[in-house]
Amino acid sequence: MQIDTYLSPAQVMEIIPGITRAGLAQLRYEGKGPAYLKPTAKLVVYKRSVVLEWLEASARTGTAAA
């Protein structure tokens, strides 16, 4: 069994160029970003595999609206 790596919002920002802490917070608020865990009232963490899956799911082959 492989143990997943947990990332802070700052670490997610290193993986996804151009995303900001506020941008991640907005995605959480809207329910549009990668799934996250909130073990305490102020702590937010993301599983690395979930972030990468979410990012890959955004792949597009054209600019036409879906």
PDB file of N, CA and C in Angstrom:
ATOM      1  N   MET A   1       0.839  -1.189   0.000  1.00  0.00           N
ATOM      2  CA  MET A   1       0.000   0.000   0.000  1.00  0.00           C
ATOM      3  C   MET A   1       0.883   1.251   0.000  1.00  0.00           C
ATOM      4  N   GLN A   2       0.603   2.148  -0.926  1.00  0.00           N
ATOM      5  CA  GLN A   2       1.372   3.391  -1.009  1.00  0.00           C
ATOM      6  C   GLN A   2       0.651   4.486  -0.235  1.00  0.00           C
ATOM      7  N   ILE A   3       1.383   5.206   0.578  1.00  0.00           N
ATOM      8  CA  ILE A   3       0.810   6.299   1.352  1.00  0.00           C
ATOM      9  C   ILE A   3       0.883   7.577   0.524  1.00  0.00           C
ATOM     10  N   ASP A   4      -0.237   8.269   0.434  1.00  0.00           N
ATOM     11  CA  ASP A   4      -0.297   9.516  -0.330  1.00  0.00           C
ATOM     12  C   ASP A   4       0.386  10.638   0.435  1.00  0.00           C
ATOM     13  N   THR A   5       0.864  11.616  -0.291  1.00  0.00           N
ATOM     14  CA  THR A   5       1.487  12.795   0.294  1.00  0.00           C
ATOM     15  C   THR A   5       0.419  13.863   0.473  1.00  0.00           C
ATOM     16  N   TYR A   6       0.443  14.518   1.611  1.00  0.00           N
ATOM     17  CA  TYR A   6      -0.490  15.611   1.875  1.00  0.00           C
ATOM     18  C   TYR A   6       0.213  16.933   1.626  1.00  0.00           C
ATOM     19  N   LEU A   7      -0.491  17.843   0.965  1.00  0.00           N
ATOM     20  CA  LEU A   7       0.087  19.127   0.590  1.00  0.00           C
ATOM     21  C   LEU A   7      -0.645  20.279   1.242  1.00  0.00           C
ATOM     22  N   SER A   8       0.089  21.292   1.603  1.00  0.00           N
ATOM     23  CA  SER A   8      -0.502  22.542   2.074  1.00  0.00           C
ATOM     24  C   SER A   8      -0.943  23.345   0.849  1.00  0.00           C
ATOM     25  N   PRO A   9      -1.782  24.357   1.042  1.00  0.00           N
ATOM     26  CA  PRO A   9      -2.124  25.216  -0.093  1.00  0.00           C
ATOM     27  C   PRO A   9      -0.878  25.806  -0.772  1.00  0.00           C
ATOM     28  N   ALA A  10       0.138  26.162  -0.001  1.00  0.00           N
ATOM     29  CA  ALA A  10       1.375  26.710  -0.586  1.00  0.00           C
ATOM     30  C   ALA A  10       2.049  25.680  -1.490  1.00  0.00           C
ATOM     31  N   GLN A  11       2.028  24.412  -1.109  1.00  0.00           N
ATOM     32  CA  GLN A  11       2.628  23.372  -1.934  1.00  0.00           C
ATOM     33  C   GLN A  11       1.811  23.128  -3.200  1.00  0.00           C
ATOM     34  N   VAL A  12       0.490  23.244  -3.101  1.00  0.00           N
ATOM     35  CA  VAL A  12      -0.362  23.115  -4.288  1.00  0.00           C
ATOM     36  C   VAL A  12      -0.052  24.254  -5.254  1.00  0.00           C
ATOM     37  N   MET A  13       0.186  25.443  -4.719  1.00  0.00           N
ATOM     38  CA  MET A  13       0.519  26.596  -5.555  1.00  0.00           C
ATOM     39  C   MET A  13       1.833  26.368  -6.307  1.00  0.00           C
ATOM     40  N   GLU A  14       2.747  25.590  -5.755  1.00  0.00           N
ATOM     41  CA  GLU A  14       4.003  25.275  -6.438  1.00  0.00           C
ATOM     42  C   GLU A  14       3.767  24.313  -7.596  1.00  0.00           C
ATOM     43  N   ILE A  15       2.776  23.441  -7.480  1.00  0.00           N
ATOM     44  CA  ILE A  15       2.478  22.453  -8.512  1.00  0.00           C
ATOM     45  C   ILE A  15       1.707  23.076  -9.672  1.00  0.00           C
ATOM     46  N   ILE A  16       0.790  23.991  -9.368  1.00  0.00           N
ATOM     47  CA  ILE A  16      -0.076  24.588 -10.388  1.00  0.00           C
ATOM     48  C   ILE A  16       0.368  26.025 -10.627  1.00  0.00           C
ATOM     49  N   PRO A  17       1.093  26.273 -11.703  1.00  0.00           N
ATOM     50  CA  PRO A  17       1.579  27.627 -11.979  1.00  0.00           C
ATOM     51  C   PRO A  17       0.420  28.618 -12.104  1.00  0.00           C
ATOM     52  N   GLY A  18       0.575  29.759 -11.481  1.00  0.00           N
ATOM     53  CA  GLY A  18      -0.400  30.825 -11.622  1.00  0.00           C
ATOM     54  C   GLY A  18      -1.551  30.810 -10.637  1.00  0.00           C
ATOM     55  N   ILE A  19      -1.723  29.708  -9.897  1.00  0.00           N
ATOM     56  CA  ILE A  19      -2.823  29.696  -8.928  1.00  0.00           C
ATOM     57  C   ILE A  19      -2.362  30.385  -7.649  1.00  0.00           C
ATOM     58  N   THR A  20      -3.268  31.090  -7.030  1.00  0.00           N
ATOM     59  CA  THR A  20      -2.952  31.821  -5.799  1.00  0.00           C
ATOM     60  C   THR A  20      -3.665  31.183  -4.618  1.00  0.00           C
ATOM     61  N   ARG A  21      -3.258  31.581  -3.431  1.00  0.00           N
ATOM     62  CA  ARG A  21      -3.925  31.090  -2.214  1.00  0.00           C
ATOM     63  C   ARG A  21      -5.403  31.494  -2.244  1.00  0.00           C
ATOM     64  N   ALA A  22      -5.671  32.731  -2.660  1.00  0.00           N
ATOM     65  CA  ALA A  22      -7.060  33.199  -2.749  1.00  0.00           C
ATOM     66  C   ALA A  22      -7.834  32.420  -3.816  1.00  0.00           C
ATOM     67  N   GLY A  23      -7.153  32.092  -4.911  1.00  0.00           N
ATOM     68  CA  GLY A  23      -7.787  31.311  -5.964  1.00  0.00           C
ATOM     69  C   GLY A  23      -8.179  29.928  -5.484  1.00  0.00           C
ATOM     70  N   LEU A  24      -7.299  29.286  -4.724  1.00  0.00           N
ATOM     71  CA  LEU A  24      -7.617  27.976  -4.150  1.00  0.00           C
ATOM     72  C   LEU A  24      -8.795  28.085  -3.190  1.00  0.00           C
ATOM     73  N   ALA A  25      -8.778  29.137  -2.360  1.00  0.00           N
ATOM     74  CA  ALA A  25      -9.873  29.333  -1.411  1.00  0.00           C
ATOM     75  C   ALA A  25     -11.196  29.520  -2.146  1.00  0.00           C
ATOM     76  N   GLN A  26     -11.172  30.260  -3.234  1.00  0.00           N
ATOM     77  CA  GLN A  26     -12.399  30.479  -4.017  1.00  0.00           C
ATOM     78  C   GLN A  26     -12.883  29.165  -4.626  1.00  0.00           C
ATOM     79  N   LEU A  27     -11.966  28.365  -5.134  1.00  0.00           N
ATOM     80  CA  LEU A  27     -12.342  27.063  -5.688  1.00  0.00           C
ATOM     81  C   LEU A  27     -12.957  26.169  -4.611  1.00  0.00           C
ATOM     82  N   ARG A  28     -12.411  26.204  -3.394  1.00  0.00           N
ATOM     83  CA  ARG A  28     -13.003  25.431  -2.279  1.00  0.00           C
ATOM     84  C   ARG A  28     -14.409  25.929  -1.996  1.00  0.00           C
ATOM     85  N   TYR A  29     -14.573  27.241  -1.925  1.00  0.00           N
ATOM     86  CA  TYR A  29     -15.872  27.847  -1.628  1.00  0.00           C
ATOM     87  C   TYR A  29     -16.924  27.446  -2.669  1.00  0.00           C
ATOM     88  N   GLU A  30     -16.518  27.454  -3.933  1.00  0.00           N
ATOM     89  CA  GLU A  30     -17.443  27.136  -5.022  1.00  0.00           C
ATOM     90  C   GLU A  30     -17.606  25.633  -5.237  1.00  0.00           C
ATOM     91  N   GLY A  31     -16.764  24.821  -4.583  1.00  0.00           N
ATOM     92  CA  GLY A  31     -16.819  23.379  -4.759  1.00  0.00           C
ATOM     93  C   GLY A  31     -16.308  22.927  -6.109  1.00  0.00           C
ATOM     94  N   LYS A  32     -15.414  23.716  -6.717  1.00  0.00           N
ATOM     95  CA  LYS A  32     -14.911  23.424  -8.064  1.00  0.00           C
ATOM     96  C   LYS A  32     -13.464  22.957  -8.080  1.00  0.00           C
ATOM     97  N   GLY A  33     -12.774  23.048  -6.979  1.00  0.00           N
ATOM     98  CA  GLY A  33     -11.359  22.695  -6.951  1.00  0.00           C
ATOM     99  C   GLY A  33     -11.146  21.251  -6.552  1.00  0.00           C
ATOM    100  N   PRO A  34      -9.890  20.892  -6.344  1.00  0.00           N
ATOM    101  CA  PRO A  34      -9.600  19.528  -5.905  1.00  0.00           C
ATOM    102  C   PRO A  34     -10.163  19.290  -4.506  1.00  0.00           C
ATOM    103  N   ALA A  35     -10.563  18.055  -4.253  1.00  0.00           N
ATOM    104  CA  ALA A  35     -11.067  17.702  -2.921  1.00  0.00           C
ATOM    105  C   ALA A  35      -9.974  17.981  -1.890  1.00  0.00           C
ATOM    106  N   TYR A  36     -10.390  18.391  -0.715  1.00  0.00           N
ATOM    107  CA  TYR A  36      -9.437  18.740   0.332  1.00  0.00           C
ATOM    108  C   TYR A  36      -9.886  18.142   1.653  1.00  0.00           C
ATOM    109  N   LEU A  37      -8.984  18.143   2.606  1.00  0.00           N
ATOM    110  CA  LEU A  37      -9.287  17.674   3.951  1.00  0.00           C
ATOM    111  C   LEU A  37      -9.134  18.847   4.903  1.00  0.00           C
ATOM    112  N   LYS A  38      -9.927  18.871   5.938  1.00  0.00           N
ATOM    113  CA  LYS A  38      -9.890  19.961   6.899  1.00  0.00           C
ATOM    114  C   LYS A  38      -9.911  19.355   8.311  1.00  0.00           C
ATOM    115  N   PRO A  39      -8.741  18.861   8.756  1.00  0.00           N
ATOM    116  CA  PRO A  39      -8.696  18.179  10.054  1.00  0.00           C
ATOM    117  C   PRO A  39      -8.916  19.087  11.263  1.00  0.00           C
ATOM    118  N   THR A  40      -8.682  20.383  11.106  1.00  0.00           N
ATOM    119  CA  THR A  40      -8.969  21.342  12.168  1.00  0.00           C
ATOM    120  C   THR A  40      -9.663  22.547  11.535  1.00  0.00           C
ATOM    121  N   ALA A  41     -10.134  23.443  12.356  1.00  0.00           N
ATOM    122  CA  ALA A  41     -10.871  24.604  11.852  1.00  0.00           C
ATOM    123  C   ALA A  41     -10.057  25.472  10.900  1.00  0.00           C
ATOM    124  N   LYS A  42      -8.744  25.522  11.084  1.00  0.00           N
ATOM    125  CA  LYS A  42      -7.917  26.411  10.271  1.00  0.00           C
ATOM    126  C   LYS A  42      -6.967  25.695   9.310  1.00  0.00           C
ATOM    127  N   LEU A  43      -6.888  24.381   9.377  1.00  0.00           N
ATOM    128  CA  LEU A  43      -5.940  23.638   8.558  1.00  0.00           C
ATOM    129  C   LEU A  43      -6.622  23.009   7.351  1.00  0.00           C
ATOM    130  N   VAL A  44      -6.079  23.288   6.172  1.00  0.00           N
ATOM    131  CA  VAL A  44      -6.558  22.703   4.920  1.00  0.00           C
ATOM    132  C   VAL A  44      -5.393  21.964   4.288  1.00  0.00           C
ATOM    133  N   VAL A  45      -5.608  20.703   3.902  1.00  0.00           N
ATOM    134  CA  VAL A  45      -4.585  19.931   3.202  1.00  0.00           C
ATOM    135  C   VAL A  45      -5.223  19.226   2.018  1.00  0.00           C
ATOM    136  N   TYR A  46      -4.390  18.942   1.046  1.00  0.00           N
ATOM    137  CA  TYR A  46      -4.816  18.267  -0.177  1.00  0.00           C
ATOM    138  C   TYR A  46      -3.970  17.013  -0.358  1.00  0.00           C
ATOM    139  N   LYS A  47      -4.580  15.937  -0.870  1.00  0.00           N
ATOM    140  CA  LYS A  47      -3.801  14.766  -1.255  1.00  0.00           C
ATOM    141  C   LYS A  47      -3.167  15.077  -2.608  1.00  0.00           C
ATOM    142  N   ARG A  48      -1.888  14.800  -2.722  1.00  0.00           N
ATOM    143  CA  ARG A  48      -1.163  15.082  -3.962  1.00  0.00           C
ATOM    144  C   ARG A  48      -1.824  14.386  -5.157  1.00  0.00           C
ATOM    145  N   SER A  49      -2.197  13.129  -4.993  1.00  0.00           N
ATOM    146  CA  SER A  49      -2.803  12.381  -6.101  1.00  0.00           C
ATOM    147  C   SER A  49      -4.121  13.003  -6.542  1.00  0.00           C
ATOM    148  N   VAL A  50      -4.891  13.530  -5.607  1.00  0.00           N
ATOM    149  CA  VAL A  50      -6.174  14.157  -5.933  1.00  0.00           C
ATOM    150  C   VAL A  50      -5.952  15.458  -6.698  1.00  0.00           C
ATOM    151  N   VAL A  51      -4.967  16.233  -6.284  1.00  0.00           N
ATOM    152  CA  VAL A  51      -4.650  17.487  -6.981  1.00  0.00           C
ATOM    153  C   VAL A  51      -4.243  17.192  -8.419  1.00  0.00           C
ATOM    154  N   LEU A  52      -3.381  16.202  -8.611  1.00  0.00           N
ATOM    155  CA  LEU A  52      -2.923  15.864  -9.954  1.00  0.00           C
ATOM    156  C   LEU A  52      -4.060  15.316 -10.817  1.00  0.00           C
ATOM    157  N   GLU A  53      -4.938  14.492 -10.238  1.00  0.00           N
ATOM    158  CA  GLU A  53      -6.097  13.975 -10.978  1.00  0.00           C
ATOM    159  C   GLU A  53      -7.019  15.120 -11.389  1.00  0.00           C
ATOM    160  N   TRP A  54      -7.257  16.062 -10.479  1.00  0.00           N
ATOM    161  CA  TRP A  54      -8.120  17.208 -10.772  1.00  0.00           C
ATOM    162  C   TRP A  54      -7.522  18.042 -11.903  1.00  0.00           C
ATOM    163  N   LEU A  55      -6.225  18.254 -11.831  1.00  0.00           N
ATOM    164  CA  LEU A  55      -5.542  19.037 -12.862  1.00  0.00           C
ATOM    165  C   LEU A  55      -5.622  18.330 -14.210  1.00  0.00           C
ATOM    166  N   GLU A  56      -5.344  17.041 -14.241  1.00  0.00           N
ATOM    167  CA  GLU A  56      -5.404  16.281 -15.493  1.00  0.00           C
ATOM    168  C   GLU A  56      -6.818  16.247 -16.072  1.00  0.00           C
ATOM    169  N   ALA A  57      -7.823  16.250 -15.224  1.00  0.00           N
ATOM    170  CA  ALA A  57      -9.217  16.219 -15.678  1.00  0.00           C
ATOM    171  C   ALA A  57      -9.605  17.515 -16.390  1.00  0.00           C
ATOM    172  N   SER A  58      -8.802  18.551 -16.239  1.00  0.00           N
ATOM    173  CA  SER A  58      -9.108  19.830 -16.871  1.00  0.00           C
ATOM    174  C   SER A  58      -8.548  19.927 -18.290  1.00  0.00           C
ATOM    175  N   ALA A  59      -7.912  18.851 -18.770  1.00  0.00           N
ATOM    176  CA  ALA A  59      -7.302  18.860 -20.109  1.00  0.00           C
ATOM    177  C   ALA A  59      -8.361  19.138 -21.174  1.00  0.00           C
ATOM    178  N   ARG A  60      -8.009  19.962 -22.129  1.00  0.00           N
ATOM    179  CA  ARG A  60      -8.909  20.313 -23.225  1.00  0.00           C
ATOM    180  C   ARG A  60      -8.169  20.174 -24.547  1.00  0.00           C
ATOM    181  N   THR A  61      -8.917  19.925 -25.613  1.00  0.00           N
ATOM    182  CA  THR A  61      -8.298  19.811 -26.938  1.00  0.00           C
ATOM    183  C   THR A  61      -8.708  20.949 -27.843  1.00  0.00           C
ATOM    184  N   GLY A  62      -9.610  21.801 -27.376  1.00  0.00           N
ATOM    185  CA  GLY A  62     -10.050  22.945 -28.171  1.00  0.00           C
ATOM    186  C   GLY A  62     -10.572  24.040 -27.279  1.00  0.00           C
ATOM    187  N   THR A  63     -10.843  25.186 -27.863  1.00  0.00           N
ATOM    188  CA  THR A  63     -11.316  26.312 -27.081  1.00  0.00           C
ATOM    189  C   THR A  63     -12.822  26.524 -27.165  1.00  0.00           C
ATOM    190  N   ALA A  64     -13.511  25.721 -27.970  1.00  0.00           N
ATOM    191  CA  ALA A  64     -14.972  25.862 -28.108  1.00  0.00           C
ATOM    192  C   ALA A  64     -15.627  25.499 -26.776  1.00  0.00           C
ATOM    193  N   ALA A  65     -16.691  26.192 -26.458  1.00  0.00           N
ATOM    194  CA  ALA A  65     -17.415  25.930 -25.207  1.00  0.00           C
ATOM    195  C   ALA A  65     -18.008  24.513 -25.243  1.00  0.00           C
ATOM    196  N   ALA A  66     -17.978  23.900 -24.104  1.00  0.00           N
ATOM    197  CA  ALA A  66     -18.501  22.512 -24.013  1.00  0.00           C
ATOM    198  C   ALA A  66     -20.008  22.505 -23.986  1.00  0.00           C
TER     199      ALA A  66
END
